[in-house]
Amino acid sequence: MDKIAVLIPCYNESQTIEKVVRDWKVELPEAAIYVYDNNSTDHTDEIARAAGAIVRYEYQQGKGNVIRRMFREIDAFCYILIDGDDTYPAEVGREMVERIMTRNVDMVVGDRLSSTYFEENKRPFHNFGNSLVRAAINKLFHSNIRDIMTGYRAFSYEFVKSFPVLSKGFEIETEMSIHAVDKNMNVENIIIEYRDRPEGSESKLNTYSDGLKVLKTIGRLYRNYKPMQFFGIAALVLLLISAAMFIPVLAVYIRTGLVPNFPTLIVSGFITLAALESLFSGLILSTLAEKERQEFEFRLQLVRKMKKDEI
């Protein structure tokens, strides 16, 4: 079991991976540095191996798939997840490790958005997207994570071995953040200096398609983790629509004693039934979600026992 594992998922990062590996070997010489190559065609794996990294492979394309493989295969007291594009500083790695090892923090988030991200990043829609996602998650889940989509994080053994990786692509960071908040894990932010990719190095993140996946992930996890709120909002919207249709019919009936718009009245009734069904679905799923949180705490105890057995 490694004391510290530095995890670097890579796809065609030949221009920067050597510097990233060497920076981390200087900053954390006691750490095991793992580079997981995700079908690169530019010899990223060979360069990383020559720089001193332990190179492994994940053949299912997508960052989420790579992280799933990493979390399954590697055992460590502390994990640091870093991108291979040389946009994050290794110099704060020691502080992140200290927070995990000495303060019982489960996830340390490298916060780019509070420092240089908006100046360094040359893609304005990425800036807007990061701000939108941060605001949405902190509002919906009552959290205070300062950078939801950062690729620079540190984790405890308990977090890694209890986190169910469901996402396949770049939405994995959003999933990590929401999971930590929902399971009441200890999360801390640390401000980092962000630098844009060097010239010639291209981002694999597609602003529109990956941004849409992130928003869909937020909606899916909000439905799964907060079903009462999700289905309660749906029930309220349906009731408002039903009322908007029913009130004119009621007004005519009060005035004339007649109901000339029976189809409208019938549709209004069915929408009301749908609203009630949505409300009760939320109540049932909320009970199941609460039971899942209780079962997670028991699973967490098993993970801690596994860690002690490794020691």
C-alpha atoms as a PDB file:
ATOM      1  CA  MET A   1       0.000   0.000   0.000  1.00  0.00           C
ATOM      2  CA  ASP A   2       1.511   3.321  -1.099  1.00  0.00           C
ATOM      3  CA  LYS A   3       1.776   6.189   1.331  1.00  0.00           C
ATOM      4  CA  ILE A   4       1.021   8.719  -1.434  1.00  0.00           C
ATOM      5  CA  ALA A   5      -0.151   7.961  -4.964  1.00  0.00           C
ATOM      6  CA  VAL A   6      -0.108  10.652  -7.640  1.00  0.00           C
ATOM      7  CA  LEU A   7      -2.659   9.732 -10.318  1.00  0.00           C
ATOM      8  CA  ILE A   8      -2.288  11.232 -13.798  1.00  0.00           C
ATOM      9  CA  PRO A   9      -4.900  10.262 -16.426  1.00  0.00           C
ATOM     10  CA  CYS A  10      -3.515  11.011 -19.900  1.00  0.00           C
ATOM     11  CA  TYR A  11      -4.651  11.145 -23.474  1.00  0.00           C
ATOM     12  CA  ASN A  12      -2.118  12.545 -25.963  1.00  0.00           C
ATOM     13  CA  GLU A  13      -0.125  14.709 -23.550  1.00  0.00           C
ATOM     14  CA  SER A  14       3.341  14.094 -24.985  1.00  0.00           C
ATOM     15  CA  GLN A  15       4.253  17.799 -24.873  1.00  0.00           C
ATOM     16  CA  THR A  16       3.757  18.164 -21.145  1.00  0.00           C
ATOM     17  CA  ILE A  17       3.777  14.785 -19.398  1.00  0.00           C
ATOM     18  CA  GLU A  18       7.545  14.639 -18.846  1.00  0.00           C
ATOM     19  CA  LYS A  19       7.555  17.985 -17.013  1.00  0.00           C
ATOM     20  CA  VAL A  20       4.514  17.009 -14.937  1.00  0.00           C
ATOM     21  CA  VAL A  21       6.096  13.731 -13.807  1.00  0.00           C
ATOM     22  CA  ARG A  22       9.447  15.369 -13.004  1.00  0.00           C
ATOM     23  CA  ASP A  23       7.769  18.207 -11.075  1.00  0.00           C
ATOM     24  CA  TRP A  24       5.952  15.716  -8.880  1.00  0.00           C
ATOM     25  CA  LYS A  25       9.058  13.602  -8.323  1.00  0.00           C
ATOM     26  CA  VAL A  26      10.754  16.749  -6.976  1.00  0.00           C
ATOM     27  CA  GLU A  27       7.771  17.870  -4.884  1.00  0.00           C
ATOM     28  CA  LEU A  28       6.861  14.448  -3.450  1.00  0.00           C
ATOM     29  CA  PRO A  29       9.864  12.147  -3.895  1.00  0.00           C
ATOM     30  CA  GLU A  30       8.279   9.540  -1.605  1.00  0.00           C
ATOM     31  CA  ALA A  31       5.146   9.273  -3.779  1.00  0.00           C
ATOM     32  CA  ALA A  32       4.375   6.623  -6.371  1.00  0.00           C
ATOM     33  CA  ILE A  33       3.507   8.393  -9.632  1.00  0.00           C
ATOM     34  CA  TYR A  34       1.032   6.557 -11.847  1.00  0.00           C
ATOM     35  CA  VAL A  35       0.304   7.575 -15.425  1.00  0.00           C
ATOM     36  CA  TYR A  36      -2.732   5.855 -16.928  1.00  0.00           C
ATOM     37  CA  ASP A  37      -2.639   6.104 -20.693  1.00  0.00           C
ATOM     38  CA  ASN A  38      -6.047   6.282 -22.376  1.00  0.00           C
ATOM     39  CA  ASN A  39      -5.307   5.189 -25.981  1.00  0.00           C
ATOM     40  CA  SER A  40      -2.739   7.905 -26.716  1.00  0.00           C
ATOM     41  CA  THR A  41      -1.186   7.898 -30.174  1.00  0.00           C
ATOM     42  CA  ASP A  42       1.699  10.309 -29.517  1.00  0.00           C
ATOM     43  CA  HIS A  43       3.899   8.074 -27.286  1.00  0.00           C
ATOM     44  CA  THR A  44       2.722   9.694 -24.061  1.00  0.00           C
ATOM     45  CA  ASP A  45       3.243   6.372 -22.282  1.00  0.00           C
ATOM     46  CA  GLU A  46       6.867   5.998 -23.417  1.00  0.00           C
ATOM     47  CA  ILE A  47       7.739   9.554 -22.377  1.00  0.00           C
ATOM     48  CA  ALA A  48       6.091   9.108 -18.974  1.00  0.00           C
ATOM     49  CA  ARG A  49       7.899   5.818 -18.371  1.00  0.00           C
ATOM     50  CA  ALA A  50      11.244   7.375 -19.293  1.00  0.00           C
ATOM     51  CA  ALA A  51      10.543  10.211 -16.831  1.00  0.00           C
ATOM     52  CA  GLY A  52      10.121   7.702 -14.000  1.00  0.00           C
ATOM     53  CA  ALA A  53       6.358   7.142 -13.812  1.00  0.00           C
ATOM     54  CA  ILE A  54       4.589   3.821 -13.385  1.00  0.00           C
ATOM     55  CA  VAL A  55       2.596   3.486 -16.614  1.00  0.00           C
ATOM     56  CA  ARG A  56      -0.638   1.556 -16.889  1.00  0.00           C
ATOM     57  CA  TYR A  57      -3.442   1.509 -19.435  1.00  0.00           C
ATOM     58  CA  GLU A  58      -7.191   1.978 -19.688  1.00  0.00           C
ATOM     59  CA  TYR A  59      -8.622   1.130 -23.093  1.00  0.00           C
ATOM     60  CA  GLN A  60     -12.175   2.410 -22.566  1.00  0.00           C
ATOM     61  CA  GLN A  61     -12.072   6.011 -23.754  1.00  0.00           C
ATOM     62  CA  GLY A  62     -13.021   8.730 -21.277  1.00  0.00           C
ATOM     63  CA  LYS A  63     -11.624  10.324 -18.145  1.00  0.00           C
ATOM     64  CA  GLY A  64     -14.286   8.755 -15.940  1.00  0.00           C
ATOM     65  CA  ASN A  65     -13.318   5.299 -17.178  1.00  0.00           C
ATOM     66  CA  VAL A  66      -9.651   6.002 -16.419  1.00  0.00           C
ATOM     67  CA  ILE A  67     -10.385   7.192 -12.887  1.00  0.00           C
ATOM     68  CA  ARG A  68     -12.556   4.144 -12.250  1.00  0.00           C
ATOM     69  CA  ARG A  69      -9.601   1.936 -13.197  1.00  0.00           C
ATOM     70  CA  MET A  70      -7.199   3.946 -11.023  1.00  0.00           C
ATOM     71  CA  PHE A  71      -9.426   3.820  -7.964  1.00  0.00           C
ATOM     72  CA  ARG A  72      -9.909   0.059  -8.333  1.00  0.00           C
ATOM     73  CA  GLU A  73      -6.272  -0.847  -8.786  1.00  0.00           C
ATOM     74  CA  ILE A  74      -4.315   1.465  -6.488  1.00  0.00           C
ATOM     75  CA  ASP A  75      -4.221   1.368  -2.694  1.00  0.00           C
ATOM     76  CA  ALA A  76      -2.761   4.369  -0.878  1.00  0.00           C
ATOM     77  CA  PHE A  77      -3.218   6.366   2.296  1.00  0.00           C
ATOM     78  CA  CYS A  78      -3.465   9.566   0.224  1.00  0.00           C
ATOM     79  CA  TYR A  79      -4.241  10.085  -3.452  1.00  0.00           C
ATOM     80  CA  ILE A  80      -3.538  13.152  -5.566  1.00  0.00           C
ATOM     81  CA  LEU A  81      -5.384  13.430  -8.878  1.00  0.00           C
ATOM     82  CA  ILE A  82      -3.729  15.747 -11.387  1.00  0.00           C
ATOM     83  CA  ASP A  83      -4.083  16.366 -15.123  1.00  0.00           C
ATOM     84  CA  GLY A  84      -1.167  15.691 -17.448  1.00  0.00           C
ATOM     85  CA  ASP A  85      -1.392  19.051 -19.242  1.00  0.00           C
ATOM     86  CA  ASP A  86       0.865  21.046 -16.854  1.00  0.00           C
ATOM     87  CA  THR A  87      -1.847  23.547 -15.920  1.00  0.00           C
ATOM     88  CA  TYR A  88      -1.688  22.878 -12.162  1.00  0.00           C
ATOM     89  CA  PRO A  89       1.244  23.588  -9.816  1.00  0.00           C
ATOM     90  CA  ALA A  90       2.878  20.686  -8.004  1.00  0.00           C
ATOM     91  CA  GLU A  91       4.072  23.070  -5.280  1.00  0.00           C
ATOM     92  CA  VAL A  92       0.829  22.847  -3.283  1.00  0.00           C
ATOM     93  CA  GLY A  93       0.831  19.047  -3.346  1.00  0.00           C
ATOM     94  CA  ARG A  94       2.571  18.790   0.007  1.00  0.00           C
ATOM     95  CA  GLU A  95      -0.062  20.934   1.707  1.00  0.00           C
ATOM     96  CA  MET A  96      -2.852  18.875   0.156  1.00  0.00           C
ATOM     97  CA  VAL A  97      -1.262  15.695   1.463  1.00  0.00           C
ATOM     98  CA  GLU A  98      -0.926  17.182   4.948  1.00  0.00           C
ATOM     99  CA  ARG A  99      -4.621  18.014   5.058  1.00  0.00           C
ATOM    100  CA  ILE A 100      -5.555  14.448   4.119  1.00  0.00           C
ATOM    101  CA  MET A 101      -3.050  12.772   6.441  1.00  0.00           C
ATOM    102  CA  THR A 102      -3.271  14.954   9.554  1.00  0.00           C
ATOM    103  CA  ARG A 103      -6.692  16.643   9.490  1.00  0.00           C
ATOM    104  CA  ASN A 104      -8.884  13.715   8.374  1.00  0.00           C
ATOM    105  CA  VAL A 105     -10.046  15.582   5.279  1.00  0.00           C
ATOM    106  CA  ASP A 106     -11.715  13.323   2.700  1.00  0.00           C
ATOM    107  CA  MET A 107     -11.302  15.547  -0.358  1.00  0.00           C
ATOM    108  CA  VAL A 108      -9.149  18.615  -0.957  1.00  0.00           C
ATOM    109  CA  VAL A 109     -10.263  20.680  -3.945  1.00  0.00           C
ATOM    110  CA  GLY A 110      -7.695  22.683  -5.915  1.00  0.00           C
ATOM    111  CA  ASP A 111      -9.583  25.944  -6.416  1.00  0.00           C
ATOM    112  CA  ARG A 112      -8.605  27.642  -9.696  1.00  0.00           C
ATOM    113  CA  LEU A 113     -11.574  29.974  -9.887  1.00  0.00           C
ATOM    114  CA  SER A 114     -10.505  32.072  -6.891  1.00  0.00           C
ATOM    115  CA  SER A 115      -7.099  32.851  -8.406  1.00  0.00           C
ATOM    116  CA  THR A 116      -5.885  33.047 -12.013  1.00  0.00           C
ATOM    117  CA  TYR A 117      -8.291  30.863 -13.967  1.00  0.00           C
ATOM    118  CA  PHE A 118     -10.391  33.595 -15.537  1.00  0.00           C
ATOM    119  CA  GLU A 119      -7.268  35.468 -16.674  1.00  0.00           C
ATOM    120  CA  GLU A 120      -5.294  32.455 -17.915  1.00  0.00           C
ATOM    121  CA  ASN A 121      -8.086  30.497 -19.580  1.00  0.00           C
ATOM    122  CA  LYS A 122      -8.630  31.719 -23.143  1.00  0.00           C
ATOM    123  CA  ARG A 123     -12.012  30.031 -23.662  1.00  0.00           C
ATOM    124  CA  PRO A 124     -14.770  32.367 -22.437  1.00  0.00           C
ATOM    125  CA  PHE A 125     -17.513  29.739 -22.541  1.00  0.00           C
ATOM    126  CA  HIS A 126     -15.416  27.550 -20.237  1.00  0.00           C
ATOM    127  CA  ASN A 127     -15.292  30.442 -17.789  1.00  0.00           C
ATOM    128  CA  PHE A 128     -19.053  30.859 -17.952  1.00  0.00           C
ATOM    129  CA  GLY A 129     -19.641  27.120 -17.687  1.00  0.00           C
ATOM    130  CA  ASN A 130     -17.460  26.739 -14.606  1.00  0.00           C
ATOM    131  CA  SER A 131     -19.227  29.622 -12.874  1.00  0.00           C
ATOM    132  CA  LEU A 132     -22.660  28.247 -13.820  1.00  0.00           C
ATOM    133  CA  VAL A 133     -21.904  24.735 -12.578  1.00  0.00           C
ATOM    134  CA  ARG A 134     -20.399  26.017  -9.328  1.00  0.00           C
ATOM    135  CA  ALA A 135     -23.415  28.214  -8.619  1.00  0.00           C
ATOM    136  CA  ALA A 136     -25.915  25.466  -9.512  1.00  0.00           C
ATOM    137  CA  ILE A 137     -24.359  22.759  -7.340  1.00  0.00           C
ATOM    138  CA  ASN A 138     -23.706  24.999  -4.344  1.00  0.00           C
ATOM    139  CA  LYS A 139     -27.305  26.217  -4.523  1.00  0.00           C
ATOM    140  CA  LEU A 140     -28.954  22.851  -5.086  1.00  0.00           C
ATOM    141  CA  PHE A 141     -26.844  20.903  -2.583  1.00  0.00           C
ATOM    142  CA  HIS A 142     -26.189  23.684  -0.030  1.00  0.00           C
ATOM    143  CA  SER A 143     -22.419  23.296  -0.335  1.00  0.00           C
ATOM    144  CA  ASN A 144     -19.423  25.601  -0.563  1.00  0.00           C
ATOM    145  CA  ILE A 145     -17.091  23.921  -3.040  1.00  0.00           C
ATOM    146  CA  ARG A 146     -15.269  26.740  -4.796  1.00  0.00           C
ATOM    147  CA  ASP A 147     -14.303  24.867  -7.975  1.00  0.00           C
ATOM    148  CA  ILE A 148     -16.553  22.007  -9.016  1.00  0.00           C
ATOM    149  CA  MET A 149     -14.791  20.939 -12.219  1.00  0.00           C
ATOM    150  CA  THR A 150     -11.145  21.221 -11.255  1.00  0.00           C
ATOM    151  CA  GLY A 151      -8.952  18.258 -12.141  1.00  0.00           C
ATOM    152  CA  TYR A 152      -6.643  18.879  -9.172  1.00  0.00           C
ATOM    153  CA  ARG A 153      -7.791  17.075  -6.021  1.00  0.00           C
ATOM    154  CA  ALA A 154      -6.514  15.012  -3.119  1.00  0.00           C
ATOM    155  CA  PHE A 155      -8.471  12.131  -1.575  1.00  0.00           C
ATOM    156  CA  SER A 156      -8.428   9.908   1.452  1.00  0.00           C
ATOM    157  CA  TYR A 157      -8.421   6.121   1.179  1.00  0.00           C
ATOM    158  CA  GLU A 158     -11.986   6.105   2.517  1.00  0.00           C
ATOM    159  CA  PHE A 159     -13.234   8.412  -0.231  1.00  0.00           C
ATOM    160  CA  VAL A 160     -11.589   6.507  -3.075  1.00  0.00           C
ATOM    161  CA  LYS A 161     -12.732   3.061  -1.974  1.00  0.00           C
ATOM    162  CA  SER A 162     -16.309   4.132  -1.246  1.00  0.00           C
ATOM    163  CA  PHE A 163     -16.897   6.305  -4.328  1.00  0.00           C
ATOM    164  CA  PRO A 164     -19.000   4.615  -7.050  1.00  0.00           C
ATOM    165  CA  VAL A 165     -17.696   5.941 -10.369  1.00  0.00           C
ATOM    166  CA  LEU A 166     -20.632   6.102 -12.794  1.00  0.00           C
ATOM    167  CA  SER A 167     -19.551   8.802 -15.248  1.00  0.00           C
ATOM    168  CA  LYS A 168     -17.506   7.932 -18.314  1.00  0.00           C
ATOM    169  CA  GLY A 169     -16.101  11.332 -19.292  1.00  0.00           C
ATOM    170  CA  PHE A 170     -15.231  14.773 -17.974  1.00  0.00           C
ATOM    171  CA  GLU A 171     -18.405  14.951 -15.880  1.00  0.00           C
ATOM    172  CA  ILE A 172     -16.572  12.779 -13.331  1.00  0.00           C
ATOM    173  CA  GLU A 173     -15.393  15.859 -11.376  1.00  0.00           C
ATOM    174  CA  THR A 174     -18.982  17.006 -10.922  1.00  0.00           C
ATOM    175  CA  GLU A 175     -19.954  13.535  -9.723  1.00  0.00           C
ATOM    176  CA  MET A 176     -17.115  13.533  -7.166  1.00  0.00           C
ATOM    177  CA  SER A 177     -18.158  16.899  -5.771  1.00  0.00           C
ATOM    178  CA  ILE A 178     -21.835  16.005  -5.392  1.00  0.00           C
ATOM    179  CA  HIS A 179     -21.028  12.604  -3.871  1.00  0.00           C
ATOM    180  CA  ALA A 180     -18.794  14.209  -1.229  1.00  0.00           C
ATOM    181  CA  VAL A 181     -21.433  16.780  -0.304  1.00  0.00           C
ATOM    182  CA  ASP A 182     -24.316  14.306  -0.189  1.00  0.00           C
ATOM    183  CA  LYS A 183     -22.379  11.831   1.976  1.00  0.00           C
ATOM    184  CA  ASN A 184     -21.342  14.572   4.420  1.00  0.00           C
ATOM    185  CA  MET A 185     -17.642  14.049   3.765  1.00  0.00           C
ATOM    186  CA  ASN A 186     -15.039  16.513   4.981  1.00  0.00           C
ATOM    187  CA  VAL A 187     -14.186  18.753   2.020  1.00  0.00           C
ATOM    188  CA  GLU A 188     -11.715  21.639   2.020  1.00  0.00           C
ATOM    189  CA  ASN A 189     -10.731  24.110  -0.679  1.00  0.00           C
ATOM    190  CA  ILE A 190      -7.193  25.256  -1.361  1.00  0.00           C
ATOM    191  CA  ILE A 191      -6.500  28.133  -3.750  1.00  0.00           C
ATOM    192  CA  ILE A 192      -4.062  27.246  -6.527  1.00  0.00           C
ATOM    193  CA  GLU A 193      -2.468  29.201  -9.348  1.00  0.00           C
ATOM    194  CA  TYR A 194      -3.756  28.032 -12.711  1.00  0.00           C
ATOM    195  CA  ARG A 195      -1.801  28.390 -15.958  1.00  0.00           C
ATOM    196  CA  ASP A 196      -3.208  27.790 -19.408  1.00  0.00           C
ATOM    197  CA  ARG A 197      -1.932  24.988 -21.592  1.00  0.00           C
ATOM    198  CA  PRO A 198       1.356  25.671 -23.388  1.00  0.00           C
ATOM    199  CA  GLU A 199       1.181  26.534 -27.067  1.00  0.00           C
ATOM    200  CA  GLY A 200       0.546  23.467 -29.201  1.00  0.00           C
ATOM    201  CA  SER A 201      -1.151  21.520 -26.419  1.00  0.00           C
ATOM    202  CA  GLU A 202      -4.866  21.094 -27.066  1.00  0.00           C
ATOM    203  CA  SER A 203      -7.661  20.527 -24.561  1.00  0.00           C
ATOM    204  CA  LYS A 204      -9.721  17.354 -24.988  1.00  0.00           C
ATOM    205  CA  LEU A 205     -12.751  19.048 -23.396  1.00  0.00           C
ATOM    206  CA  ASN A 206     -15.504  20.032 -25.823  1.00  0.00           C
ATOM    207  CA  THR A 207     -17.197  23.168 -24.507  1.00  0.00           C
ATOM    208  CA  TYR A 208     -20.697  22.336 -25.706  1.00  0.00           C
ATOM    209  CA  SER A 209     -21.066  18.547 -25.714  1.00  0.00           C
ATOM    210  CA  ASP A 210     -19.139  18.009 -22.468  1.00  0.00           C
ATOM    211  CA  GLY A 211     -20.877  21.012 -20.896  1.00  0.00           C
ATOM    212  CA  LEU A 212     -24.242  19.457 -21.740  1.00  0.00           C
ATOM    213  CA  LYS A 213     -23.125  16.158 -20.185  1.00  0.00           C
ATOM    214  CA  VAL A 214     -22.155  17.978 -17.003  1.00  0.00           C
ATOM    215  CA  LEU A 215     -25.561  19.668 -16.775  1.00  0.00           C
ATOM    216  CA  LYS A 216     -27.302  16.340 -17.383  1.00  0.00           C
ATOM    217  CA  THR A 217     -25.161  14.797 -14.634  1.00  0.00           C
ATOM    218  CA  ILE A 218     -26.187  17.543 -12.212  1.00  0.00           C
ATOM    219  CA  GLY A 219     -29.856  16.896 -13.001  1.00  0.00           C
ATOM    220  CA  ARG A 220     -29.472  13.128 -12.656  1.00  0.00           C
ATOM    221  CA  LEU A 221     -27.643  13.342  -9.346  1.00  0.00           C
ATOM    222  CA  TYR A 222     -30.056  15.954  -7.996  1.00  0.00           C
ATOM    223  CA  ARG A 223     -32.925  13.588  -8.808  1.00  0.00           C
ATOM    224  CA  ASN A 224     -31.113  10.647  -7.181  1.00  0.00           C
ATOM    225  CA  TYR A 225     -29.735  12.411  -4.103  1.00  0.00           C
ATOM    226  CA  LYS A 226     -32.534  14.936  -3.493  1.00  0.00           C
ATOM    227  CA  PRO A 227     -35.664  13.196  -4.833  1.00  0.00           C
ATOM    228  CA  MET A 228     -38.139  15.043  -2.587  1.00  0.00           C
ATOM    229  CA  GLN A 229     -36.947  18.426  -3.843  1.00  0.00           C
ATOM    230  CA  PHE A 230     -36.741  17.242  -7.458  1.00  0.00           C
ATOM    231  CA  PHE A 231     -40.192  15.666  -7.629  1.00  0.00           C
ATOM    232  CA  GLY A 232     -41.650  18.321  -5.322  1.00  0.00           C
ATOM    233  CA  ILE A 233     -40.683  21.005  -7.838  1.00  0.00           C
ATOM    234  CA  ALA A 234     -42.238  18.915 -10.621  1.00  0.00           C
ATOM    235  CA  ALA A 235     -45.431  18.519  -8.565  1.00  0.00           C
ATOM    236  CA  LEU A 236     -45.610  22.272  -7.916  1.00  0.00           C
ATOM    237  CA  VAL A 237     -45.207  23.098 -11.612  1.00  0.00           C
ATOM    238  CA  LEU A 238     -47.941  20.617 -12.540  1.00  0.00           C
ATOM    239  CA  LEU A 239     -50.285  22.026  -9.885  1.00  0.00           C
ATOM    240  CA  LEU A 240     -49.752  25.547 -11.198  1.00  0.00           C
ATOM    241  CA  ILE A 241     -50.543  24.407 -14.743  1.00  0.00           C
ATOM    242  CA  SER A 242     -53.626  22.582 -13.497  1.00  0.00           C
ATOM    243  CA  ALA A 243     -54.789  25.641 -11.546  1.00  0.00           C
ATOM    244  CA  ALA A 244     -54.272  27.896 -14.580  1.00  0.00           C
ATOM    245  CA  MET A 245     -56.598  25.628 -16.555  1.00  0.00           C
ATOM    246  CA  PHE A 246     -59.152  25.037 -13.793  1.00  0.00           C
ATOM    247  CA  ILE A 247     -59.696  28.580 -12.473  1.00  0.00           C
ATOM    248  CA  PRO A 248     -61.300  29.965 -15.692  1.00  0.00           C
ATOM    249  CA  VAL A 249     -63.639  26.955 -15.818  1.00  0.00           C
ATOM    250  CA  LEU A 250     -64.554  27.485 -12.150  1.00  0.00           C
ATOM    251  CA  ALA A 251     -65.180  31.197 -12.732  1.00  0.00           C
ATOM    252  CA  VAL A 252     -67.609  30.437 -15.564  1.00  0.00           C
ATOM    253  CA  TYR A 253     -69.374  27.840 -13.434  1.00  0.00           C
ATOM    254  CA  ILE A 254     -69.796  30.261 -10.517  1.00  0.00           C
ATOM    255  CA  ARG A 255     -71.174  32.942 -12.838  1.00  0.00           C
ATOM    256  CA  THR A 256     -73.481  30.799 -15.013  1.00  0.00           C
ATOM    257  CA  GLY A 257     -73.838  27.435 -13.285  1.00  0.00           C
ATOM    258  CA  LEU A 258     -72.600  25.785 -16.484  1.00  0.00           C
ATOM    259  CA  VAL A 259     -69.357  23.991 -17.454  1.00  0.00           C
ATOM    260  CA  PRO A 260     -68.933  24.620 -21.188  1.00  0.00           C
ATOM    261  CA  ASN A 261     -65.291  23.453 -21.318  1.00  0.00           C
ATOM    262  CA  PHE A 262     -65.401  19.856 -20.151  1.00  0.00           C
ATOM    263  CA  PRO A 263     -62.187  18.841 -22.022  1.00  0.00           C
ATOM    264  CA  THR A 264     -60.232  21.557 -20.195  1.00  0.00           C
ATOM    265  CA  LEU A 265     -61.672  20.418 -16.859  1.00  0.00           C
ATOM    266  CA  ILE A 266     -60.763  16.785 -17.575  1.00  0.00           C
ATOM    267  CA  VAL A 267     -57.202  17.635 -18.611  1.00  0.00           C
ATOM    268  CA  SER A 268     -56.839  19.778 -15.497  1.00  0.00           C
ATOM    269  CA  GLY A 269     -57.911  16.809 -13.367  1.00  0.00           C
ATOM    270  CA  PHE A 270     -55.384  14.481 -14.989  1.00  0.00           C
ATOM    271  CA  ILE A 271     -52.586  17.031 -14.475  1.00  0.00           C
ATOM    272  CA  THR A 272     -53.543  17.259 -10.797  1.00  0.00           C
ATOM    273  CA  LEU A 273     -53.311  13.481 -10.521  1.00  0.00           C
ATOM    274  CA  ALA A 274     -49.863  13.600 -12.159  1.00  0.00           C
ATOM    275  CA  ALA A 275     -48.801  16.223  -9.612  1.00  0.00           C
ATOM    276  CA  LEU A 276     -49.929  14.015  -6.740  1.00  0.00           C
ATOM    277  CA  GLU A 277     -48.148  11.032  -8.243  1.00  0.00           C
ATOM    278  CA  SER A 278     -44.957  13.099  -8.534  1.00  0.00           C
ATOM    279  CA  LEU A 279     -45.258  14.211  -4.909  1.00  0.00           C
ATOM    280  CA  PHE A 280     -45.701  10.686  -3.572  1.00  0.00           C
ATOM    281  CA  SER A 281     -42.878   9.415  -5.792  1.00  0.00           C
ATOM    282  CA  GLY A 282     -40.637  12.009  -4.182  1.00  0.00           C
ATOM    283  CA  LEU A 283     -41.679  10.897  -0.701  1.00  0.00           C
ATOM    284  CA  ILE A 284     -40.980   7.227  -1.445  1.00  0.00           C
ATOM    285  CA  LEU A 285     -37.643   7.878  -3.151  1.00  0.00           C
ATOM    286  CA  SER A 286     -36.613  10.240  -0.358  1.00  0.00           C
ATOM    287  CA  THR A 287     -37.064   7.406   2.135  1.00  0.00           C
ATOM    288  CA  LEU A 288     -34.961   5.113  -0.070  1.00  0.00           C
ATOM    289  CA  ALA A 289     -32.254   7.787  -0.411  1.00  0.00           C
ATOM    290  CA  GLU A 290     -32.110   8.168   3.370  1.00  0.00           C
ATOM    291  CA  LYS A 291     -31.753   4.400   3.734  1.00  0.00           C
ATOM    292  CA  GLU A 292     -28.928   4.465   1.168  1.00  0.00           C
ATOM    293  CA  ARG A 293     -27.088   7.105   3.251  1.00  0.00           C
ATOM    294  CA  GLN A 294     -27.383   4.881   6.292  1.00  0.00           C
ATOM    295  CA  GLU A 295     -26.047   1.881   4.367  1.00  0.00           C
ATOM    296  CA  PHE A 296     -23.194   4.008   3.032  1.00  0.00           C
ATOM    297  CA  GLU A 297     -22.057   4.730   6.597  1.00  0.00           C
ATOM    298  CA  PHE A 298     -21.874   0.986   7.249  1.00  0.00           C
ATOM    299  CA  ARG A 299     -19.913   0.467   4.004  1.00  0.00           C
ATOM    300  CA  LEU A 300     -17.563   3.227   5.089  1.00  0.00           C
ATOM    301  CA  GLN A 301     -16.841   1.324   8.288  1.00  0.00           C
ATOM    302  CA  LEU A 302     -15.910  -1.712   6.191  1.00  0.00           C
ATOM    303  CA  VAL A 303     -13.564   0.424   4.085  1.00  0.00           C
ATOM    304  CA  ARG A 304     -11.866   1.715   7.225  1.00  0.00           C
ATOM    305  CA  LYS A 305     -11.445  -1.841   8.459  1.00  0.00           C
ATOM    306  CA  MET A 306      -9.844  -2.763   5.125  1.00  0.00           C
ATOM    307  CA  LYS A 307      -7.424   0.139   5.551  1.00  0.00           C
ATOM    308  CA  LYS A 308      -6.441  -1.047   9.035  1.00  0.00           C
ATOM    309  CA  ASP A 309      -5.935  -4.567   7.727  1.00  0.00           C
ATOM    310  CA  GLU A 310      -3.591  -3.189   5.023  1.00  0.00           C
ATOM    311  CA  ILE A 311      -1.590  -1.402   7.707  1.00  0.00           C
END
